[in-house]
Amino acid sequence: MHTKLSAIETRMDVLEDNLEKKLAEKLAKIVDKRVNTESSKLKKEITESVNNVRSDFDKEINYLTKKIDDLHKLQDNLLTRKDDKKLNLVVRMLPYSSNKI
């Protein structure tokens, strides 16, 4: 009788060990899957945010580049006008006004 109880106890120990291993493996798979899912979502959100910021920077850089180009053109125009004597104007024989300060 004692050997039968010992065999039953041994069998129960083996079954418990197998059950623990299977549960541990199953939980590890579930946790791993959940972590991968959440990290994928987080990566996607970060990528979208970075792309939005990059797009905003590109727009600002293009705007500033256009403004700088416009300023260079304006400067070039002012420099060429400065030397153009055709644009000079002379006013003669204006009456003197006592309202001048």
PDB file of N, CA and C in Angstrom:
ATOM      1  N   MET A   1       0.815  -1.192   0.000  1.00  0.00           N
ATOM      2  CA  MET A   1       0.000   0.000   0.000  1.00  0.00           C
ATOM      3  C   MET A   1       0.865   1.264   0.000  1.00  0.00           C
ATOM      4  N   HIS A   2       1.953   1.169   0.746  1.00  0.00           N
ATOM      5  CA  HIS A   2       2.830   2.317   0.833  1.00  0.00           C
ATOM      6  C   HIS A   2       3.456   2.635  -0.525  1.00  0.00           C
ATOM      7  N   THR A   3       3.784   1.624  -1.310  1.00  0.00           N
ATOM      8  CA  THR A   3       4.362   1.845  -2.628  1.00  0.00           C
ATOM      9  C   THR A   3       3.356   2.448  -3.593  1.00  0.00           C
ATOM     10  N   LYS A   4       2.084   2.068  -3.433  1.00  0.00           N
ATOM     11  CA  LYS A   4       1.052   2.648  -4.298  1.00  0.00           C
ATOM     12  C   LYS A   4       0.878   4.126  -3.992  1.00  0.00           C
ATOM     13  N   LEU A   5       0.892   4.498  -2.697  1.00  0.00           N
ATOM     14  CA  LEU A   5       0.790   5.916  -2.322  1.00  0.00           C
ATOM     15  C   LEU A   5       2.007   6.695  -2.818  1.00  0.00           C
ATOM     16  N   SER A   6       3.147   6.081  -2.713  1.00  0.00           N
ATOM     17  CA  SER A   6       4.374   6.724  -3.183  1.00  0.00           C
ATOM     18  C   SER A   6       4.322   6.931  -4.697  1.00  0.00           C
ATOM     19  N   ALA A   7       3.815   5.945  -5.420  1.00  0.00           N
ATOM     20  CA  ALA A   7       3.689   6.074  -6.876  1.00  0.00           C
ATOM     21  C   ALA A   7       2.693   7.168  -7.235  1.00  0.00           C
ATOM     22  N   ILE A   8       1.601   7.260  -6.467  1.00  0.00           N
ATOM     23  CA  ILE A   8       0.593   8.303  -6.718  1.00  0.00           C
ATOM     24  C   ILE A   8       1.186   9.684  -6.433  1.00  0.00           C
ATOM     25  N   GLU A   9       1.943   9.799  -5.329  1.00  0.00           N
ATOM     26  CA  GLU A   9       2.578  11.075  -4.997  1.00  0.00           C
ATOM     27  C   GLU A   9       3.579  11.488  -6.073  1.00  0.00           C
ATOM     28  N   THR A  10       4.342  10.533  -6.542  1.00  0.00           N
ATOM     29  CA  THR A  10       5.315  10.814  -7.598  1.00  0.00           C
ATOM     30  C   THR A  10       4.604  11.277  -8.861  1.00  0.00           C
ATOM     31  N   ARG A  11       3.561  10.598  -9.196  1.00  0.00           N
ATOM     32  CA  ARG A  11       2.773  10.966 -10.391  1.00  0.00           C
ATOM     33  C   ARG A  11       2.185  12.367 -10.237  1.00  0.00           C
ATOM     34  N   MET A  12       1.675  12.688  -9.052  1.00  0.00           N
ATOM     35  CA  MET A  12       1.111  14.015  -8.805  1.00  0.00           C
ATOM     36  C   MET A  12       2.201  15.090  -8.888  1.00  0.00           C
ATOM     37  N   ASP A  13       3.391  14.795  -8.377  1.00  0.00           N
ATOM     38  CA  ASP A  13       4.503  15.746  -8.458  1.00  0.00           C
ATOM     39  C   ASP A  13       4.875  16.026  -9.912  1.00  0.00           C
ATOM     40  N   VAL A  14       4.934  14.957 -10.706  1.00  0.00           N
ATOM     41  CA  VAL A  14       5.255  15.115 -12.129  1.00  0.00           C
ATOM     42  C   VAL A  14       4.189  15.959 -12.821  1.00  0.00           C
ATOM     43  N   LEU A  15       2.923  15.674 -12.548  1.00  0.00           N
ATOM     44  CA  LEU A  15       1.829  16.442 -13.161  1.00  0.00           C
ATOM     45  C   LEU A  15       1.874  17.911 -12.737  1.00  0.00           C
ATOM     46  N   GLU A  16       2.151  18.166 -11.452  1.00  0.00           N
ATOM     47  CA  GLU A  16       2.251  19.542 -10.969  1.00  0.00           C
ATOM     48  C   GLU A  16       3.405  20.279 -11.651  1.00  0.00           C
ATOM     49  N   ASP A  17       4.553  19.606 -11.776  1.00  0.00           N
ATOM     50  CA  ASP A  17       5.708  20.221 -12.443  1.00  0.00           C
ATOM     51  C   ASP A  17       5.385  20.560 -13.899  1.00  0.00           C
ATOM     52  N   ASN A  18       4.747  19.623 -14.593  1.00  0.00           N
ATOM     53  CA  ASN A  18       4.373  19.867 -15.990  1.00  0.00           C
ATOM     54  C   ASN A  18       3.376  21.019 -16.103  1.00  0.00           C
ATOM     55  N   LEU A  19       2.418  21.053 -15.178  1.00  0.00           N
ATOM     56  CA  LEU A  19       1.422  22.124 -15.183  1.00  0.00           C
ATOM     57  C   LEU A  19       2.087  23.483 -14.939  1.00  0.00           C
ATOM     58  N   GLU A  20       3.020  23.532 -13.983  1.00  0.00           N
ATOM     59  CA  GLU A  20       3.738  24.776 -13.702  1.00  0.00           C
ATOM     60  C   GLU A  20       4.530  25.243 -14.924  1.00  0.00           C
ATOM     61  N   LYS A  21       5.210  24.312 -15.582  1.00  0.00           N
ATOM     62  CA  LYS A  21       5.992  24.664 -16.772  1.00  0.00           C
ATOM     63  C   LYS A  21       5.092  25.211 -17.878  1.00  0.00           C
ATOM     64  N   LYS A  22       3.968  24.528 -18.102  1.00  0.00           N
ATOM     65  CA  LYS A  22       3.051  24.964 -19.157  1.00  0.00           C
ATOM     66  C   LYS A  22       2.460  26.333 -18.836  1.00  0.00           C
ATOM     67  N   LEU A  23       2.075  26.538 -17.569  1.00  0.00           N
ATOM     68  CA  LEU A  23       1.530  27.841 -17.175  1.00  0.00           C
ATOM     69  C   LEU A  23       2.578  28.947 -17.327  1.00  0.00           C
ATOM     70  N   ALA A  24       3.805  28.654 -16.918  1.00  0.00           N
ATOM     71  CA  ALA A  24       4.874  29.649 -17.030  1.00  0.00           C
ATOM     72  C   ALA A  24       5.138  30.001 -18.494  1.00  0.00           C
ATOM     73  N   GLU A  25       5.171  28.987 -19.354  1.00  0.00           N
ATOM     74  CA  GLU A  25       5.384  29.235 -20.784  1.00  0.00           C
ATOM     75  C   GLU A  25       4.240  30.050 -21.377  1.00  0.00           C
ATOM     76  N   LYS A  26       3.021  29.692 -21.019  1.00  0.00           N
ATOM     77  CA  LYS A  26       1.841  30.391 -21.543  1.00  0.00           C
ATOM     78  C   LYS A  26       1.840  31.849 -21.085  1.00  0.00           C
ATOM     79  N   LEU A  27       2.107  32.080 -19.797  1.00  0.00           N
ATOM     80  CA  LEU A  27       2.155  33.451 -19.287  1.00  0.00           C
ATOM     81  C   LEU A  27       3.276  34.252 -19.952  1.00  0.00           C
ATOM     82  N   ALA A  28       4.425  33.616 -20.159  1.00  0.00           N
ATOM     83  CA  ALA A  28       5.544  34.304 -20.809  1.00  0.00           C
ATOM     84  C   ALA A  28       5.165  34.709 -22.230  1.00  0.00           C
ATOM     85  N   LYS A  29       4.476  33.824 -22.950  1.00  0.00           N
ATOM     86  CA  LYS A  29       4.038  34.151 -24.310  1.00  0.00           C
ATOM     87  C   LYS A  29       3.040  35.300 -24.309  1.00  0.00           C
ATOM     88  N   ILE A  30       2.091  35.264 -23.369  1.00  0.00           N
ATOM     89  CA  ILE A  30       1.072  36.320 -23.294  1.00  0.00           C
ATOM     90  C   ILE A  30       1.721  37.664 -22.978  1.00  0.00           C
ATOM     91  N   VAL A  31       2.625  37.667 -21.994  1.00  0.00           N
ATOM     92  CA  VAL A  31       3.305  38.913 -21.620  1.00  0.00           C
ATOM     93  C   VAL A  31       4.158  39.421 -22.780  1.00  0.00           C
ATOM     94  N   ASP A  32       4.865  38.519 -23.437  1.00  0.00           N
ATOM     95  CA  ASP A  32       5.709  38.910 -24.568  1.00  0.00           C
ATOM     96  C   ASP A  32       4.874  39.512 -25.697  1.00  0.00           C
ATOM     97  N   LYS A  33       3.750  38.882 -25.985  1.00  0.00           N
ATOM     98  CA  LYS A  33       2.870  39.391 -27.042  1.00  0.00           C
ATOM     99  C   LYS A  33       2.336  40.769 -26.674  1.00  0.00           C
ATOM    100  N   ARG A  34       1.940  40.933 -25.428  1.00  0.00           N
ATOM    101  CA  ARG A  34       1.387  42.224 -24.975  1.00  0.00           C
ATOM    102  C   ARG A  34       2.461  43.318 -25.040  1.00  0.00           C
ATOM    103  N   VAL A  35       3.667  43.001 -24.602  1.00  0.00           N
ATOM    104  CA  VAL A  35       4.762  43.976 -24.645  1.00  0.00           C
ATOM    105  C   VAL A  35       5.069  44.360 -26.089  1.00  0.00           C
ATOM    106  N   ASN A  36       5.110  43.388 -26.977  1.00  0.00           N
ATOM    107  CA  ASN A  36       5.375  43.683 -28.390  1.00  0.00           C
ATOM    108  C   ASN A  36       4.279  44.549 -28.992  1.00  0.00           C
ATOM    109  N   THR A  37       3.030  44.266 -28.659  1.00  0.00           N
ATOM    110  CA  THR A  37       1.908  45.055 -29.173  1.00  0.00           C
ATOM    111  C   THR A  37       1.994  46.497 -28.691  1.00  0.00           C
ATOM    112  N   GLU A  38       2.217  46.668 -27.398  1.00  0.00           N
ATOM    113  CA  GLU A  38       2.292  48.020 -26.835  1.00  0.00           C
ATOM    114  C   GLU A  38       3.501  48.776 -27.377  1.00  0.00           C
ATOM    115  N   SER A  39       4.634  48.100 -27.513  1.00  0.00           N
ATOM    116  CA  SER A  39       5.821  48.782 -28.042  1.00  0.00           C
ATOM    117  C   SER A  39       5.622  49.161 -29.508  1.00  0.00           C
ATOM    118  N   SER A  40       4.907  48.350 -30.260  1.00  0.00           N
ATOM    119  CA  SER A  40       4.607  48.692 -31.654  1.00  0.00           C
ATOM    120  C   SER A  40       3.714  49.923 -31.730  1.00  0.00           C
ATOM    121  N   LYS A  41       2.701  49.986 -30.862  1.00  0.00           N
ATOM    122  CA  LYS A  41       1.820  51.160 -30.836  1.00  0.00           C
ATOM    123  C   LYS A  41       2.607  52.411 -30.467  1.00  0.00           C
ATOM    124  N   LEU A  42       3.460  52.288 -29.454  1.00  0.00           N
ATOM    125  CA  LEU A  42       4.255  53.426 -29.008  1.00  0.00           C
ATOM    126  C   LEU A  42       5.213  53.882 -30.105  1.00  0.00           C
ATOM    127  N   LYS A  43       5.830  52.933 -30.785  1.00  0.00           N
ATOM    128  CA  LYS A  43       6.749  53.266 -31.876  1.00  0.00           C
ATOM    129  C   LYS A  43       6.009  53.996 -32.990  1.00  0.00           C
ATOM    130  N   LYS A  44       4.810  53.545 -33.304  1.00  0.00           N
ATOM    131  CA  LYS A  44       4.011  54.185 -34.349  1.00  0.00           C
ATOM    132  C   LYS A  44       3.655  55.615 -33.953  1.00  0.00           C
ATOM    133  N   GLU A  45       3.241  55.817 -32.699  1.00  0.00           N
ATOM    134  CA  GLU A  45       2.892  57.159 -32.234  1.00  0.00           C
ATOM    135  C   GLU A  45       4.104  58.085 -32.264  1.00  0.00           C
ATOM    136  N   ILE A  46       5.244  57.579 -31.827  1.00  0.00           N
ATOM    137  CA  ILE A  46       6.463  58.391 -31.832  1.00  0.00           C
ATOM    138  C   ILE A  46       6.857  58.738 -33.256  1.00  0.00           C
ATOM    139  N   THR A  47       6.768  57.783 -34.159  1.00  0.00           N
ATOM    140  CA  THR A  47       7.105  58.038 -35.559  1.00  0.00           C
ATOM    141  C   THR A  47       6.196  59.107 -36.149  1.00  0.00           C
ATOM    142  N   GLU A  48       4.905  59.034 -35.856  1.00  0.00           N
ATOM    143  CA  GLU A  48       3.971  60.046 -36.353  1.00  0.00           C
ATOM    144  C   GLU A  48       4.304  61.421 -35.791  1.00  0.00           C
ATOM    145  N   SER A  49       4.616  61.483 -34.504  1.00  0.00           N
ATOM    146  CA  SER A  49       4.958  62.763 -33.881  1.00  0.00           C
ATOM    147  C   SER A  49       6.230  63.342 -34.489  1.00  0.00           C
ATOM    148  N   VAL A  50       7.222  62.506 -34.679  1.00  0.00           N
ATOM    149  CA  VAL A  50       8.482  62.974 -35.271  1.00  0.00           C
ATOM    150  C   VAL A  50       8.244  63.454 -36.701  1.00  0.00           C
ATOM    151  N   ASN A  51       7.438  62.732 -37.452  1.00  0.00           N
ATOM    152  CA  ASN A  51       7.142  63.151 -38.824  1.00  0.00           C
ATOM    153  C   ASN A  51       6.400  64.478 -38.850  1.00  0.00           C
ATOM    154  N   ASN A  52       5.479  64.687 -37.905  1.00  0.00           N
ATOM    155  CA  ASN A  52       4.767  65.965 -37.833  1.00  0.00           C
ATOM    156  C   ASN A  52       5.721  67.108 -37.513  1.00  0.00           C
ATOM    157  N   VAL A  53       6.604  66.887 -36.555  1.00  0.00           N
ATOM    158  CA  VAL A  53       7.577  67.925 -36.196  1.00  0.00           C
ATOM    159  C   VAL A  53       8.510  68.192 -37.370  1.00  0.00           C
ATOM    160  N   ARG A  54       8.946  67.140 -38.038  1.00  0.00           N
ATOM    161  CA  ARG A  54       9.831  67.292 -39.194  1.00  0.00           C
ATOM    162  C   ARG A  54       9.130  68.091 -40.292  1.00  0.00           C
ATOM    163  N   SER A  55       7.872  67.804 -40.518  1.00  0.00           N
ATOM    164  CA  SER A  55       7.103  68.533 -41.528  1.00  0.00           C
ATOM    165  C   SER A  55       6.988  70.009 -41.161  1.00  0.00           C
ATOM    166  N   ASP A  56       6.719  70.282 -39.882  1.00  0.00           N
ATOM    167  CA  ASP A  56       6.633  71.673 -39.431  1.00  0.00           C
ATOM    168  C   ASP A  56       7.968  72.392 -39.611  1.00  0.00           C
ATOM    169  N   PHE A  57       9.065  71.721 -39.267  1.00  0.00           N
ATOM    170  CA  PHE A  57      10.383  72.319 -39.458  1.00  0.00           C
ATOM    171  C   PHE A  57      10.652  72.592 -40.934  1.00  0.00           C
ATOM    172  N   ASP A  58      10.309  71.647 -41.783  1.00  0.00           N
ATOM    173  CA  ASP A  58      10.517  71.842 -43.218  1.00  0.00           C
ATOM    174  C   ASP A  58       9.734  73.041 -43.729  1.00  0.00           C
ATOM    175  N   LYS A  59       8.492  73.190 -43.270  1.00  0.00           N
ATOM    176  CA  LYS A  59       7.684  74.337 -43.682  1.00  0.00           C
ATOM    177  C   LYS A  59       8.321  75.640 -43.219  1.00  0.00           C
ATOM    178  N   GLU A  60       8.780  75.669 -41.976  1.00  0.00           N
ATOM    179  CA  GLU A  60       9.410  76.879 -41.441  1.00  0.00           C
ATOM    180  C   GLU A  60      10.698  77.201 -42.189  1.00  0.00           C
ATOM    181  N   ILE A  61      11.483  76.178 -42.472  1.00  0.00           N
ATOM    182  CA  ILE A  61      12.737  76.395 -43.193  1.00  0.00           C
ATOM    183  C   ILE A  61      12.454  76.919 -44.593  1.00  0.00           C
ATOM    184  N   ASN A  62      11.475  76.356 -45.269  1.00  0.00           N
ATOM    185  CA  ASN A  62      11.121  76.838 -46.605  1.00  0.00           C
ATOM    186  C   ASN A  62      10.630  78.274 -46.557  1.00  0.00           C
ATOM    187  N   TYR A  63       9.823  78.605 -45.555  1.00  0.00           N
ATOM    188  CA  TYR A  63       9.315  79.969 -45.403  1.00  0.00           C
ATOM    189  C   TYR A  63      10.474  80.941 -45.166  1.00  0.00           C
ATOM    190  N   LEU A  64      11.378  80.572 -44.259  1.00  0.00           N
ATOM    191  CA  LEU A  64      12.509  81.447 -43.961  1.00  0.00           C
ATOM    192  C   LEU A  64      13.453  81.566 -45.153  1.00  0.00           C
ATOM    193  N   THR A  65      13.642  80.491 -45.877  1.00  0.00           N
ATOM    194  CA  THR A  65      14.486  80.537 -47.073  1.00  0.00           C
ATOM    195  C   THR A  65      13.888  81.475 -48.107  1.00  0.00           C
ATOM    196  N   LYS A  66      12.587  81.417 -48.285  1.00  0.00           N
ATOM    197  CA  LYS A  66      11.909  82.308 -49.227  1.00  0.00           C
ATOM    198  C   LYS A  66      12.064  83.761 -48.786  1.00  0.00           C
ATOM    199  N   LYS A  67      11.907  84.015 -47.496  1.00  0.00           N
ATOM    200  CA  LYS A  67      12.054  85.377 -46.982  1.00  0.00           C
ATOM    201  C   LYS A  67      13.482  85.885 -47.189  1.00  0.00           C
ATOM    202  N   ILE A  68      14.456  85.044 -46.956  1.00  0.00           N
ATOM    203  CA  ILE A  68      15.852  85.438 -47.156  1.00  0.00           C
ATOM    204  C   ILE A  68      16.106  85.735 -48.624  1.00  0.00           C
ATOM    205  N   ASP A  69      15.589  84.901 -49.504  1.00  0.00           N
ATOM    206  CA  ASP A  69      15.743  85.147 -50.940  1.00  0.00           C
ATOM    207  C   ASP A  69      15.092  86.464 -51.339  1.00  0.00           C
ATOM    208  N   ASP A  70      13.903  86.726 -50.792  1.00  0.00           N
ATOM    209  CA  ASP A  70      13.224  87.992 -51.085  1.00  0.00           C
ATOM    210  C   ASP A  70      14.048  89.178 -50.599  1.00  0.00           C
ATOM    211  N   LEU A  71      14.654  89.050 -49.436  1.00  0.00           N
ATOM    212  CA  LEU A  71      15.485  90.137 -48.915  1.00  0.00           C
ATOM    213  C   LEU A  71      16.727  90.350 -49.776  1.00  0.00           C
ATOM    214  N   HIS A  72      17.312  89.270 -50.251  1.00  0.00           N
ATOM    215  CA  HIS A  72      18.467  89.396 -51.150  1.00  0.00           C
ATOM    216  C   HIS A  72      18.065  90.095 -52.449  1.00  0.00           C
ATOM    217  N   LYS A  73      16.922  89.736 -52.985  1.00  0.00           N
ATOM    218  CA  LYS A  73      16.440  90.384 -54.210  1.00  0.00           C
ATOM    219  C   LYS A  73      16.184  91.859 -53.972  1.00  0.00           C
ATOM    220  N   LEU A  74      15.581  92.182 -52.839  1.00  0.00           N
ATOM    221  CA  LEU A  74      15.313  93.576 -52.506  1.00  0.00           C
ATOM    222  C   LEU A  74      16.619  94.349 -52.356  1.00  0.00           C
ATOM    223  N   GLN A  75      17.571  93.756 -51.711  1.00  0.00           N
ATOM    224  CA  GLN A  75      18.869  94.402 -51.550  1.00  0.00           C
ATOM    225  C   GLN A  75      19.533  94.623 -52.910  1.00  0.00           C
ATOM    226  N   ASP A  76      19.494  93.632 -53.759  1.00  0.00           N
ATOM    227  CA  ASP A  76      20.071  93.775 -55.096  1.00  0.00           C
ATOM    228  C   ASP A  76      19.368  94.879 -55.873  1.00  0.00           C
ATOM    229  N   ASN A  77      18.044  94.935 -55.772  1.00  0.00           N
ATOM    230  CA  ASN A  77      17.287  95.981 -56.464  1.00  0.00           C
ATOM    231  C   ASN A  77      17.651  97.359 -55.933  1.00  0.00           C
ATOM    232  N   LEU A  78      17.797  97.482 -54.639  1.00  0.00           N
ATOM    233  CA  LEU A  78      18.153  98.775 -54.055  1.00  0.00           C
ATOM    234  C   LEU A  78      19.553  99.199 -54.473  1.00  0.00           C
ATOM    235  N   LEU A  79      20.453  98.253 -54.551  1.00  0.00           N
ATOM    236  CA  LEU A  79      21.816  98.595 -54.963  1.00  0.00           C
ATOM    237  C   LEU A  79      21.867  99.003 -56.427  1.00  0.00           C
ATOM    238  N   THR A  80      21.088  98.376 -57.271  1.00  0.00           N
ATOM    239  CA  THR A  80      21.103  98.751 -58.686  1.00  0.00           C
ATOM    240  C   THR A  80      20.391 100.075 -58.897  1.00  0.00           C
ATOM    241  N   ARG A  81      19.372 100.360 -58.141  1.00  0.00           N
ATOM    242  CA  ARG A  81      18.665 101.638 -58.265  1.00  0.00           C
ATOM    243  C   ARG A  81      19.536 102.792 -57.795  1.00  0.00           C
ATOM    244  N   LYS A  82      20.347 102.545 -56.827  1.00  0.00           N
ATOM    245  CA  LYS A  82      21.200 103.585 -56.282  1.00  0.00           C
ATOM    246  C   LYS A  82      22.127 104.139 -57.357  1.00  0.00           C
ATOM    247  N   ASP A  83      22.563 103.310 -58.226  1.00  0.00           N
ATOM    248  CA  ASP A  83      23.485 103.730 -59.269  1.00  0.00           C
ATOM    249  C   ASP A  83      22.777 104.189 -60.535  1.00  0.00           C
ATOM    250  N   ASP A  84      21.485 104.034 -60.612  1.00  0.00           N
ATOM    251  CA  ASP A  84      20.751 104.386 -61.823  1.00  0.00           C
ATOM    252  C   ASP A  84      20.353 105.860 -61.770  1.00  0.00           C
ATOM    253  N   LYS A  85      20.987 106.671 -62.594  1.00  0.00           N
ATOM    254  CA  LYS A  85      20.734 108.117 -62.587  1.00  0.00           C
ATOM    255  C   LYS A  85      19.432 108.465 -63.286  1.00  0.00           C
ATOM    256  N   LYS A  86      18.876 107.560 -64.008  1.00  0.00           N
ATOM    257  CA  LYS A  86      17.616 107.831 -64.690  1.00  0.00           C
ATOM    258  C   LYS A  86      16.467 107.985 -63.701  1.00  0.00           C
ATOM    259  N   LEU A  87      16.648 107.453 -62.530  1.00  0.00           N
ATOM    260  CA  LEU A  87      15.587 107.520 -61.537  1.00  0.00           C
ATOM    261  C   LEU A  87      15.670 108.781 -60.669  1.00  0.00           C
ATOM    262  N   ASN A  88      16.710 109.578 -60.871  1.00  0.00           N
ATOM    263  CA  ASN A  88      16.842 110.807 -60.088  1.00  0.00           C
ATOM    264  C   ASN A  88      15.816 111.824 -60.553  1.00  0.00           C
ATOM    265  N   LEU A  89      15.389 112.669 -59.644  1.00  0.00           N
ATOM    266  CA  LEU A  89      14.380 113.669 -59.944  1.00  0.00           C
ATOM    267  C   LEU A  89      14.837 115.001 -59.360  1.00  0.00           C
ATOM    268  N   VAL A  90      14.732 116.048 -60.168  1.00  0.00           N
ATOM    269  CA  VAL A  90      15.118 117.377 -59.708  1.00  0.00           C
ATOM    270  C   VAL A  90      13.894 118.264 -59.796  1.00  0.00           C
ATOM    271  N   VAL A  91      13.623 118.967 -58.715  1.00  0.00           N
ATOM    272  CA  VAL A  91      12.488 119.885 -58.689  1.00  0.00           C
ATOM    273  C   VAL A  91      13.064 121.292 -58.554  1.00  0.00           C
ATOM    274  N   ARG A  92      12.679 122.177 -59.497  1.00  0.00           N
ATOM    275  CA  ARG A  92      13.207 123.541 -59.489  1.00  0.00           C
ATOM    276  C   ARG A  92      12.065 124.531 -59.379  1.00  0.00           C
ATOM    277  N   MET A  93      12.436 125.665 -58.923  1.00  0.00           N
ATOM    278  CA  MET A  93      11.538 126.808 -58.884  1.00  0.00           C
ATOM    279  C   MET A  93      10.296 126.555 -58.034  1.00  0.00           C
ATOM    280  N   LEU A  94      10.496 125.948 -56.891  1.00  0.00           N
ATOM    281  CA  LEU A  94       9.372 125.780 -55.983  1.00  0.00           C
ATOM    282  C   LEU A  94       9.223 127.058 -55.163  1.00  0.00           C
ATOM    283  N   PRO A  95       8.003 127.486 -54.971  1.00  0.00           N
ATOM    284  CA  PRO A  95       7.824 128.694 -54.164  1.00  0.00           C
ATOM    285  C   PRO A  95       8.177 128.419 -52.703  1.00  0.00           C
ATOM    286  N   TYR A  96       8.754 129.428 -52.088  1.00  0.00           N
ATOM    287  CA  TYR A  96       9.109 129.297 -50.684  1.00  0.00           C
ATOM    288  C   TYR A  96       7.862 129.489 -49.854  1.00  0.00           C
ATOM    289  N   SER A  97       7.694 128.645 -48.854  1.00  0.00           N
ATOM    290  CA  SER A  97       6.511 128.738 -48.005  1.00  0.00           C
ATOM    291  C   SER A  97       6.945 129.094 -46.589  1.00  0.00           C
ATOM    292  N   SER A  98       6.196 129.933 -45.948  1.00  0.00           N
ATOM    293  CA  SER A  98       6.516 130.304 -44.568  1.00  0.00           C
ATOM    294  C   SER A  98       6.106 129.202 -43.592  1.00  0.00           C
ATOM    295  N   ASN A  99       5.403 128.231 -44.087  1.00  0.00           N
ATOM    296  CA  ASN A  99       4.982 127.115 -43.231  1.00  0.00           C
ATOM    297  C   ASN A  99       6.095 126.089 -43.026  1.00  0.00           C
ATOM    298  N   LYS A 100       7.185 126.274 -43.732  1.00  0.00           N
ATOM    299  CA  LYS A 100       8.305 125.350 -43.566  1.00  0.00           C
ATOM    300  C   LYS A 100       8.916 125.523 -42.191  1.00  0.00           C
ATOM    301  N   ILE A 101       9.385 124.471 -41.697  1.00  0.00           N
ATOM    302  CA  ILE A 101      10.020 124.553 -40.381  1.00  0.00           C
ATOM    303  C   ILE A 101      11.510 124.445 -40.547  1.00  0.00           C
TER     304      ILE A 101
END
